[in-house]
Amino acid sequence: MTGDLASGAPAMHRPDVETKPSFKTTEFFVFLAAVAAVVVTALMVSGDAGTADPFNAEQALRYITFLAIGYMISRGLAKAGARRRDAAHH
């Protein structure tokens, strides 16, 4: 363990953090923007009088589910990559 050369005190060891908290990542903000875009699109797009809605709530929920799955996979990959990097340094 290395220390401060002037005082001889041991250096403070900060616990290793695997990844940033999820709400501080770019992926989180992109996920939120994409979900907002799907919701706004689902609300704004409607069928003409007498025709079916081309982008209904069911489709919107399906796309939001796909976005959530993609977000979870990206976070899992980020955490997996962080563990490998930490293991290489020890």
Protein backbone atom coordinates (compact mmCIF):
# COMPACT_ATOMS: atom_id res chain seq x y z
CA MET A 1 0.00 0.00 0.00
CA THR A 2 1.42 3.40 -0.89
CA GLY A 3 1.20 6.38 1.40
CA ASP A 4 1.79 10.09 1.56
CA LEU A 5 5.56 10.55 1.37
CA ALA A 6 5.56 13.70 3.53
CA SER A 7 3.52 12.39 6.46
CA GLY A 8 4.07 8.67 6.11
CA ALA A 9 0.30 8.14 6.40
CA PRO A 10 -1.21 5.31 4.39
CA ALA A 11 -3.19 6.36 1.33
CA MET A 12 -6.97 6.21 1.57
CA HIS A 13 -8.23 3.27 -0.46
CA ARG A 14 -11.51 4.02 -2.17
CA PRO A 15 -13.70 0.95 -2.70
CA ASP A 16 -13.89 -0.05 -6.33
CA VAL A 17 -17.12 0.97 -7.99
CA GLU A 18 -18.13 -1.28 -10.87
CA THR A 19 -20.04 1.24 -12.96
CA LYS A 20 -21.74 4.59 -12.61
CA PRO A 21 -25.22 4.60 -11.09
CA SER A 22 -27.71 3.92 -13.86
CA PHE A 23 -29.36 7.35 -13.65
CA LYS A 24 -26.02 9.03 -14.47
CA THR A 25 -25.43 7.19 -17.74
CA THR A 26 -26.01 8.21 -21.33
CA GLU A 27 -27.94 4.99 -21.91
CA PHE A 28 -30.49 6.02 -19.28
CA PHE A 29 -31.15 9.39 -20.89
CA VAL A 30 -31.38 7.85 -24.36
CA PHE A 31 -33.81 5.26 -22.97
CA LEU A 32 -35.98 7.97 -21.41
CA ALA A 33 -35.96 10.02 -24.62
CA ALA A 34 -36.88 6.98 -26.71
CA VAL A 35 -39.73 6.03 -24.36
CA ALA A 36 -41.00 9.62 -24.46
CA ALA A 37 -40.84 9.58 -28.27
CA VAL A 38 -42.86 6.35 -28.41
CA VAL A 39 -45.47 7.71 -26.00
CA VAL A 40 -45.81 11.02 -27.85
CA THR A 41 -46.04 9.23 -31.19
CA ALA A 42 -48.70 6.85 -29.88
CA LEU A 43 -50.71 9.79 -28.59
CA MET A 44 -50.33 11.91 -31.72
CA VAL A 45 -50.87 9.29 -34.43
CA SER A 46 -54.45 8.26 -34.87
CA GLY A 47 -56.49 6.71 -37.59
CA ASP A 48 -58.78 8.71 -39.84
CA ALA A 49 -62.47 8.65 -39.09
CA GLY A 50 -63.65 5.07 -39.36
CA THR A 51 -60.15 3.52 -39.69
CA ALA A 52 -58.06 1.71 -37.14
CA ASP A 53 -55.34 3.51 -35.19
CA PRO A 54 -52.07 2.69 -37.02
CA PHE A 55 -49.97 3.08 -33.83
CA ASN A 56 -52.06 2.01 -30.88
CA ALA A 57 -51.30 1.54 -27.19
CA GLU A 58 -50.49 -2.15 -27.64
CA GLN A 59 -47.79 -1.36 -30.19
CA ALA A 60 -46.44 1.46 -28.03
CA LEU A 61 -46.13 -0.86 -25.03
CA ARG A 62 -44.41 -3.46 -27.20
CA TYR A 63 -41.81 -0.90 -28.34
CA ILE A 64 -41.30 0.36 -24.79
CA THR A 65 -40.75 -3.25 -23.69
CA PHE A 66 -38.14 -3.71 -26.43
CA LEU A 67 -36.43 -0.49 -25.33
CA ALA A 68 -36.40 -1.68 -21.70
CA ILE A 69 -34.89 -5.02 -22.70
CA GLY A 70 -32.21 -3.24 -24.73
CA TYR A 71 -31.46 -0.92 -21.81
CA MET A 72 -31.13 -3.84 -19.40
CA ILE A 73 -28.80 -5.65 -21.79
CA SER A 74 -26.64 -2.53 -22.20
CA ARG A 75 -26.37 -2.12 -18.41
CA GLY A 76 -25.53 -5.79 -18.02
CA LEU A 77 -22.78 -5.52 -20.61
CA ALA A 78 -21.41 -2.39 -18.94
CA LYS A 79 -21.29 -4.12 -15.57
CA ALA A 80 -19.75 -7.27 -17.04
CA GLY A 81 -17.05 -5.22 -18.75
CA ALA A 82 -16.30 -3.29 -15.58
CA ARG A 83 -15.72 -6.48 -13.60
CA ARG A 84 -13.25 -7.79 -16.15
CA ARG A 85 -11.29 -4.52 -16.09
CA ASP A 86 -11.16 -4.51 -12.28
CA ALA A 87 -9.99 -8.12 -12.19
CA ALA A 88 -7.16 -7.33 -14.62
CA HIS A 89 -5.80 -4.64 -12.29
CA HIS A 90 -5.62 -6.85 -9.21
